[in-house]
């Protein structure tokens, strides 16, 4: 199976799963969540769905419980929407990318780095 086909299916899964979460799941524990990416197995039978959550660890845990509990429902819904021979098994994972980016930004922001003096740069250019 080609990488192009897998990439196309991954993009469709992101869109369709996001739509199902926003418009079909009515569980109040759902909270705010966003599907950030999908990684498919080579045979297209398994999909890791990475989701970011807004809120603390309690909301992340509740959101994952909701998603994992609704995985079979989503799979049936995806089978109706997608034109694939086998609808992939969904495995939901927390995407910690935003959290990690924020930590790196906070560390960089806390560093005491003096701003560069612009006149020093001009002196170097004149000597060349």
N, C-alpha and C. Protein backbone atom coordinates (compact mmCIF):
# COMPACT_ATOMS: atom_id res chain seq x y z
N UNK A 1 0.83 -1.18 0.00
CA UNK A 1 0.00 0.00 0.00
C UNK A 1 0.88 1.24 0.00
N UNK A 2 0.49 2.19 -0.75
CA UNK A 2 1.33 3.35 -0.93
C UNK A 2 1.24 4.32 0.24
N UNK A 3 2.32 5.07 0.41
CA UNK A 3 2.34 6.10 1.45
C UNK A 3 1.34 7.19 1.16
N UNK A 4 1.11 7.46 -0.12
CA UNK A 4 0.16 8.50 -0.50
C UNK A 4 -1.24 8.11 -0.03
N UNK A 5 -1.59 6.86 -0.23
CA UNK A 5 -2.91 6.40 0.21
C UNK A 5 -3.04 6.49 1.73
N UNK A 6 -1.99 6.09 2.46
CA UNK A 6 -2.01 6.16 3.91
C UNK A 6 -2.11 7.60 4.39
N UNK A 7 -1.36 8.50 3.78
CA UNK A 7 -1.41 9.92 4.17
C UNK A 7 -2.80 10.52 3.88
N UNK A 8 -3.38 10.14 2.76
CA UNK A 8 -4.72 10.64 2.42
C UNK A 8 -5.74 10.14 3.44
N UNK A 9 -5.65 8.87 3.80
CA UNK A 9 -6.57 8.30 4.78
C UNK A 9 -6.36 8.93 6.16
N UNK A 10 -5.12 9.19 6.53
CA UNK A 10 -4.85 9.86 7.81
C UNK A 10 -5.51 11.23 7.86
N UNK A 11 -5.42 11.98 6.77
CA UNK A 11 -6.07 13.29 6.70
C UNK A 11 -7.58 13.18 6.81
N UNK A 12 -8.15 12.19 6.13
CA UNK A 12 -9.60 11.98 6.22
C UNK A 12 -10.01 11.61 7.64
N UNK A 13 -9.21 10.77 8.29
CA UNK A 13 -9.53 10.36 9.66
C UNK A 13 -9.50 11.55 10.61
N UNK A 14 -8.53 12.43 10.46
CA UNK A 14 -8.47 13.61 11.31
C UNK A 14 -9.75 14.42 11.17
N UNK A 15 -10.16 14.67 9.93
CA UNK A 15 -11.37 15.47 9.69
C UNK A 15 -12.62 14.78 10.21
N UNK A 16 -12.77 13.50 9.90
CA UNK A 16 -13.99 12.78 10.27
C UNK A 16 -14.09 12.55 11.78
N UNK A 17 -12.99 12.17 12.41
CA UNK A 17 -13.02 11.95 13.86
C UNK A 17 -13.30 13.27 14.58
N UNK A 18 -12.70 14.35 14.11
CA UNK A 18 -12.97 15.67 14.71
C UNK A 18 -14.45 16.01 14.59
N UNK A 19 -15.03 15.75 13.42
CA UNK A 19 -16.45 16.03 13.22
C UNK A 19 -17.32 15.17 14.13
N UNK A 20 -16.99 13.90 14.26
CA UNK A 20 -17.77 13.01 15.12
C UNK A 20 -17.69 13.49 16.58
N UNK A 21 -16.50 13.85 17.03
CA UNK A 21 -16.35 14.32 18.41
C UNK A 21 -17.17 15.58 18.64
N UNK A 22 -17.09 16.52 17.72
CA UNK A 22 -17.78 17.79 17.91
C UNK A 22 -19.29 17.69 17.75
N UNK A 23 -19.76 16.87 16.84
CA UNK A 23 -21.18 16.87 16.49
C UNK A 23 -21.97 15.64 16.93
N UNK A 24 -21.31 14.56 17.27
CA UNK A 24 -22.04 13.34 17.60
C UNK A 24 -21.90 12.92 19.06
N UNK A 25 -20.75 13.18 19.68
CA UNK A 25 -20.55 12.77 21.07
C UNK A 25 -21.21 13.79 21.99
N UNK A 26 -22.15 13.33 22.78
CA UNK A 26 -22.90 14.22 23.65
C UNK A 26 -22.52 14.06 25.13
N UNK A 27 -21.47 13.33 25.41
CA UNK A 27 -21.06 13.09 26.79
C UNK A 27 -20.56 14.39 27.42
N UNK A 28 -21.13 14.82 28.55
CA UNK A 28 -20.70 16.08 29.17
C UNK A 28 -19.27 16.04 29.70
N UNK A 29 -18.71 14.86 29.90
CA UNK A 29 -17.33 14.75 30.38
C UNK A 29 -16.31 15.00 29.27
N UNK A 30 -16.79 15.15 28.06
CA UNK A 30 -15.91 15.27 26.90
C UNK A 30 -14.94 16.44 27.03
N UNK A 31 -15.42 17.60 27.41
CA UNK A 31 -14.56 18.77 27.50
C UNK A 31 -14.09 19.23 26.13
N UNK A 32 -13.11 20.13 26.13
CA UNK A 32 -12.56 20.63 24.87
C UNK A 32 -11.39 19.74 24.47
N UNK A 33 -11.42 19.24 23.26
CA UNK A 33 -10.34 18.42 22.74
C UNK A 33 -10.18 18.66 21.25
N UNK A 34 -8.99 18.37 20.77
CA UNK A 34 -8.68 18.59 19.36
C UNK A 34 -7.84 17.43 18.84
N UNK A 35 -8.26 16.85 17.73
CA UNK A 35 -7.47 15.79 17.09
C UNK A 35 -6.32 16.47 16.36
N UNK A 36 -5.09 16.14 16.76
CA UNK A 36 -3.93 16.81 16.18
C UNK A 36 -3.28 16.01 15.05
N UNK A 37 -3.29 14.68 15.18
CA UNK A 37 -2.71 13.87 14.11
C UNK A 37 -3.17 12.42 14.24
N UNK A 38 -2.93 11.68 13.18
CA UNK A 38 -3.26 10.25 13.14
C UNK A 38 -2.08 9.54 12.50
N UNK A 39 -1.67 8.44 13.10
CA UNK A 39 -0.62 7.58 12.53
C UNK A 39 -1.24 6.22 12.25
N UNK A 40 -1.17 5.81 10.99
CA UNK A 40 -1.75 4.54 10.57
C UNK A 40 -0.67 3.47 10.48
N UNK A 41 -1.07 2.24 10.75
CA UNK A 41 -0.15 1.12 10.53
C UNK A 41 0.00 0.91 9.02
N UNK A 42 1.00 0.17 8.64
CA UNK A 42 1.26 -0.05 7.22
C UNK A 42 0.09 -0.74 6.53
N UNK A 43 -0.57 -1.68 7.24
CA UNK A 43 -1.70 -2.39 6.64
C UNK A 43 -3.02 -1.64 6.77
N UNK A 44 -3.02 -0.44 7.34
CA UNK A 44 -4.18 0.44 7.49
C UNK A 44 -5.26 -0.11 8.42
N UNK A 45 -4.92 -1.06 9.26
CA UNK A 45 -5.92 -1.65 10.16
C UNK A 45 -5.92 -1.01 11.55
N UNK A 46 -4.88 -0.28 11.88
CA UNK A 46 -4.77 0.35 13.20
C UNK A 46 -4.43 1.82 13.04
N UNK A 47 -5.03 2.63 13.87
CA UNK A 47 -4.76 4.07 13.83
C UNK A 47 -4.55 4.60 15.24
N UNK A 48 -3.40 5.24 15.45
CA UNK A 48 -3.17 5.99 16.69
C UNK A 48 -3.69 7.39 16.45
N UNK A 49 -4.64 7.80 17.27
CA UNK A 49 -5.25 9.11 17.13
C UNK A 49 -4.72 9.97 18.28
N UNK A 50 -3.97 11.03 17.93
CA UNK A 50 -3.39 11.90 18.94
C UNK A 50 -4.33 13.08 19.17
N UNK A 51 -4.65 13.31 20.45
CA UNK A 51 -5.63 14.32 20.82
C UNK A 51 -5.01 15.23 21.88
N UNK A 52 -5.20 16.54 21.71
CA UNK A 52 -4.79 17.49 22.75
C UNK A 52 -6.04 17.94 23.49
N UNK A 53 -5.85 18.24 24.77
CA UNK A 53 -6.95 18.61 25.64
C UNK A 53 -6.68 19.97 26.27
N UNK A 54 -7.74 20.70 26.54
CA UNK A 54 -7.63 21.95 27.26
C UNK A 54 -8.05 21.67 28.70
N UNK A 55 -7.16 21.95 29.63
CA UNK A 55 -7.48 21.73 31.03
C UNK A 55 -6.41 20.90 31.71
N UNK A 56 -6.68 20.54 32.94
CA UNK A 56 -5.73 19.78 33.75
C UNK A 56 -5.79 18.30 33.47
N UNK A 57 -5.03 17.57 34.28
CA UNK A 57 -4.93 16.12 34.12
C UNK A 57 -6.28 15.43 34.31
N UNK A 58 -7.13 15.99 35.19
CA UNK A 58 -8.46 15.39 35.39
C UNK A 58 -9.26 15.42 34.10
N UNK A 59 -9.20 16.54 33.38
CA UNK A 59 -9.95 16.64 32.13
C UNK A 59 -9.33 15.75 31.05
N UNK A 60 -8.02 15.60 31.07
CA UNK A 60 -7.37 14.71 30.11
C UNK A 60 -7.84 13.28 30.36
N UNK A 61 -7.84 12.86 31.64
CA UNK A 61 -8.29 11.50 31.98
C UNK A 61 -9.75 11.28 31.59
N UNK A 62 -10.61 12.25 31.90
CA UNK A 62 -12.02 12.13 31.56
C UNK A 62 -12.21 12.07 30.04
N UNK A 63 -11.50 12.94 29.33
CA UNK A 63 -11.61 12.96 27.87
C UNK A 63 -11.18 11.65 27.24
N UNK A 64 -10.07 11.08 27.74
CA UNK A 64 -9.60 9.79 27.21
C UNK A 64 -10.61 8.69 27.50
N UNK A 65 -11.22 8.70 28.68
CA UNK A 65 -12.24 7.70 29.00
C UNK A 65 -13.41 7.80 28.03
N UNK A 66 -13.84 9.02 27.75
CA UNK A 66 -14.95 9.23 26.81
C UNK A 66 -14.58 8.70 25.43
N UNK A 67 -13.39 9.07 24.95
CA UNK A 67 -12.97 8.65 23.61
C UNK A 67 -12.82 7.14 23.51
N UNK A 68 -12.17 6.56 24.50
CA UNK A 68 -11.96 5.10 24.47
C UNK A 68 -13.29 4.36 24.59
N UNK A 69 -14.22 4.91 25.35
CA UNK A 69 -15.54 4.29 25.47
C UNK A 69 -16.35 4.41 24.20
N UNK A 70 -16.11 5.46 23.44
CA UNK A 70 -16.87 5.70 22.20
C UNK A 70 -16.14 5.19 20.96
N UNK A 71 -15.01 4.53 21.13
CA UNK A 71 -14.19 4.10 19.98
C UNK A 71 -14.96 3.18 19.04
N UNK A 72 -15.71 2.24 19.57
CA UNK A 72 -16.45 1.32 18.69
C UNK A 72 -17.56 2.06 17.94
N UNK A 73 -18.24 3.00 18.62
CA UNK A 73 -19.25 3.82 17.94
C UNK A 73 -18.61 4.64 16.82
N UNK A 74 -17.45 5.24 17.11
CA UNK A 74 -16.77 6.06 16.09
C UNK A 74 -16.35 5.20 14.91
N UNK A 75 -15.93 4.00 15.19
CA UNK A 75 -15.50 3.09 14.12
C UNK A 75 -16.66 2.77 13.19
N UNK A 76 -17.84 2.53 13.76
CA UNK A 76 -19.03 2.27 12.94
C UNK A 76 -19.37 3.51 12.11
N UNK A 77 -19.30 4.66 12.74
CA UNK A 77 -19.59 5.92 12.04
C UNK A 77 -18.58 6.17 10.93
N UNK A 78 -17.30 5.89 11.20
CA UNK A 78 -16.27 6.06 10.18
C UNK A 78 -16.47 5.10 9.01
N UNK A 79 -16.91 3.89 9.30
CA UNK A 79 -17.15 2.91 8.24
C UNK A 79 -18.21 3.41 7.27
N UNK A 80 -19.19 4.15 7.78
CA UNK A 80 -20.22 4.71 6.90
C UNK A 80 -19.69 5.88 6.08
N UNK A 81 -18.75 6.62 6.64
CA UNK A 81 -18.27 7.83 5.98
C UNK A 81 -17.12 7.59 5.01
N UNK A 82 -16.27 6.62 5.31
CA UNK A 82 -15.08 6.37 4.50
C UNK A 82 -15.30 5.21 3.55
N UNK A 83 -14.63 5.24 2.46
CA UNK A 83 -14.71 4.14 1.50
C UNK A 83 -13.44 3.30 1.62
N UNK A 84 -13.43 2.46 2.64
CA UNK A 84 -12.29 1.58 2.87
C UNK A 84 -12.80 0.16 3.11
N UNK A 85 -11.98 -0.79 2.79
CA UNK A 85 -12.37 -2.19 2.98
C UNK A 85 -12.48 -2.53 4.46
N UNK A 86 -11.50 -2.08 5.24
CA UNK A 86 -11.50 -2.33 6.68
C UNK A 86 -11.35 -0.99 7.40
N UNK A 87 -12.26 -0.71 8.30
CA UNK A 87 -12.17 0.51 9.10
C UNK A 87 -11.13 0.26 10.19
N UNK A 88 -10.19 1.17 10.38
CA UNK A 88 -9.11 0.92 11.34
C UNK A 88 -9.59 0.91 12.79
N UNK A 89 -8.90 0.13 13.59
CA UNK A 89 -9.13 0.13 15.03
C UNK A 89 -8.50 1.41 15.58
N UNK A 90 -9.23 2.13 16.42
CA UNK A 90 -8.78 3.42 16.92
C UNK A 90 -8.14 3.28 18.29
N UNK A 91 -6.97 3.86 18.44
CA UNK A 91 -6.26 3.88 19.72
C UNK A 91 -5.96 5.34 20.04
N UNK A 92 -6.60 5.88 21.06
CA UNK A 92 -6.46 7.30 21.39
C UNK A 92 -5.29 7.53 22.33
N UNK A 93 -4.47 8.53 21.99
CA UNK A 93 -3.29 8.90 22.76
C UNK A 93 -3.31 10.40 23.03
N UNK A 94 -2.73 10.81 24.14
CA UNK A 94 -2.64 12.23 24.46
C UNK A 94 -1.47 12.83 23.70
N UNK A 95 -1.72 13.94 23.03
CA UNK A 95 -0.66 14.69 22.34
C UNK A 95 -0.16 15.74 23.32
N UNK A 96 1.07 15.59 23.76
CA UNK A 96 1.66 16.50 24.74
C UNK A 96 2.51 17.59 24.07
N UNK A 97 2.38 17.73 22.77
CA UNK A 97 3.20 18.69 22.03
C UNK A 97 3.03 20.12 22.50
N UNK A 98 1.80 20.57 22.69
CA UNK A 98 1.57 21.94 23.15
C UNK A 98 2.11 22.16 24.56
N UNK A 99 1.94 21.16 25.40
CA UNK A 99 2.44 21.24 26.77
C UNK A 99 3.96 21.35 26.79
N UNK A 100 4.62 20.53 25.99
CA UNK A 100 6.09 20.56 25.91
C UNK A 100 6.57 21.88 25.34
N UNK A 101 5.89 22.37 24.30
CA UNK A 101 6.27 23.66 23.70
C UNK A 101 6.16 24.78 24.72
N UNK A 102 5.10 24.76 25.53
CA UNK A 102 4.91 25.79 26.54
C UNK A 102 6.02 25.74 27.59
N UNK A 103 6.44 24.53 27.99
CA UNK A 103 7.52 24.39 28.96
C UNK A 103 8.83 24.95 28.41
N UNK A 104 9.12 24.64 27.15
CA UNK A 104 10.34 25.15 26.52
C UNK A 104 10.29 26.67 26.45
N UNK A 105 9.15 27.22 26.05
CA UNK A 105 9.00 28.67 25.98
C UNK A 105 9.20 29.30 27.36
N UNK A 106 8.64 28.70 28.41
CA UNK A 106 8.79 29.23 29.76
C UNK A 106 10.25 29.20 30.21
N UNK A 107 10.96 28.13 29.87
CA UNK A 107 12.38 28.04 30.22
C UNK A 107 13.17 29.11 29.50
N UNK A 108 12.93 29.25 28.19
CA UNK A 108 13.65 30.28 27.43
C UNK A 108 13.32 31.68 27.93
N UNK A 109 12.08 31.88 28.31
CA UNK A 109 11.66 33.19 28.81
C UNK A 109 12.29 33.50 30.15
N UNK A 110 12.57 32.47 30.96
CA UNK A 110 13.14 32.69 32.29
C UNK A 110 14.65 32.94 32.25
N UNK A 111 15.30 32.64 31.14
CA UNK A 111 16.74 32.86 31.03
C UNK A 111 17.05 34.36 31.01
N UNK A 112 18.12 34.73 31.69
CA UNK A 112 18.51 36.14 31.74
C UNK A 112 19.59 36.37 30.69
N UNK A 113 19.16 36.61 29.47
CA UNK A 113 20.08 36.83 28.35
C UNK A 113 20.01 38.30 27.98
N UNK A 114 21.14 39.00 28.05
CA UNK A 114 21.11 40.43 27.68
C UNK A 114 20.89 40.58 26.18
N UNK A 115 20.19 41.63 25.83
CA UNK A 115 19.95 41.88 24.41
C UNK A 115 21.24 42.29 23.73
N UNK A 116 21.40 41.91 22.48
CA UNK A 116 22.62 42.22 21.73
C UNK A 116 22.67 43.70 21.44
N UNK A 117 23.85 44.27 21.56
CA UNK A 117 24.05 45.68 21.26
C UNK A 117 24.23 45.82 19.76
N UNK A 118 23.37 46.59 19.12
CA UNK A 118 23.39 46.70 17.66
C UNK A 118 24.64 47.40 17.15
N UNK A 119 25.23 48.29 17.94
CA UNK A 119 26.42 49.00 17.47
C UNK A 119 27.60 48.06 17.32
N UNK A 120 27.67 47.01 18.12
CA UNK A 120 28.76 46.04 17.97
C UNK A 120 28.72 45.35 16.63
N UNK A 121 27.55 45.05 16.14
CA UNK A 121 27.41 44.40 14.86
C UNK A 121 27.84 45.29 13.72
N UNK A 122 27.60 46.61 13.84
CA UNK A 122 27.97 47.55 12.78
C UNK A 122 29.49 47.68 12.70
N UNK A 123 30.18 47.65 13.86
CA UNK A 123 31.63 47.76 13.86
C UNK A 123 32.26 46.56 13.15
N UNK A 124 31.68 45.40 13.33
CA UNK A 124 32.22 44.21 12.68
C UNK A 124 32.05 44.29 11.17
N UNK A 125 30.94 44.81 10.69
CA UNK A 125 30.69 44.91 9.26
C UNK A 125 31.65 45.92 8.62
N UNK A 126 31.96 47.01 9.31
CA UNK A 126 32.86 48.02 8.74
C UNK A 126 34.27 47.51 8.58
N UNK A 127 34.71 46.60 9.46
CA UNK A 127 36.06 46.07 9.40
C UNK A 127 36.25 45.07 8.27
N UNK A 128 35.17 44.57 7.69
CA UNK A 128 35.30 43.57 6.64
C UNK A 128 35.48 44.21 5.35
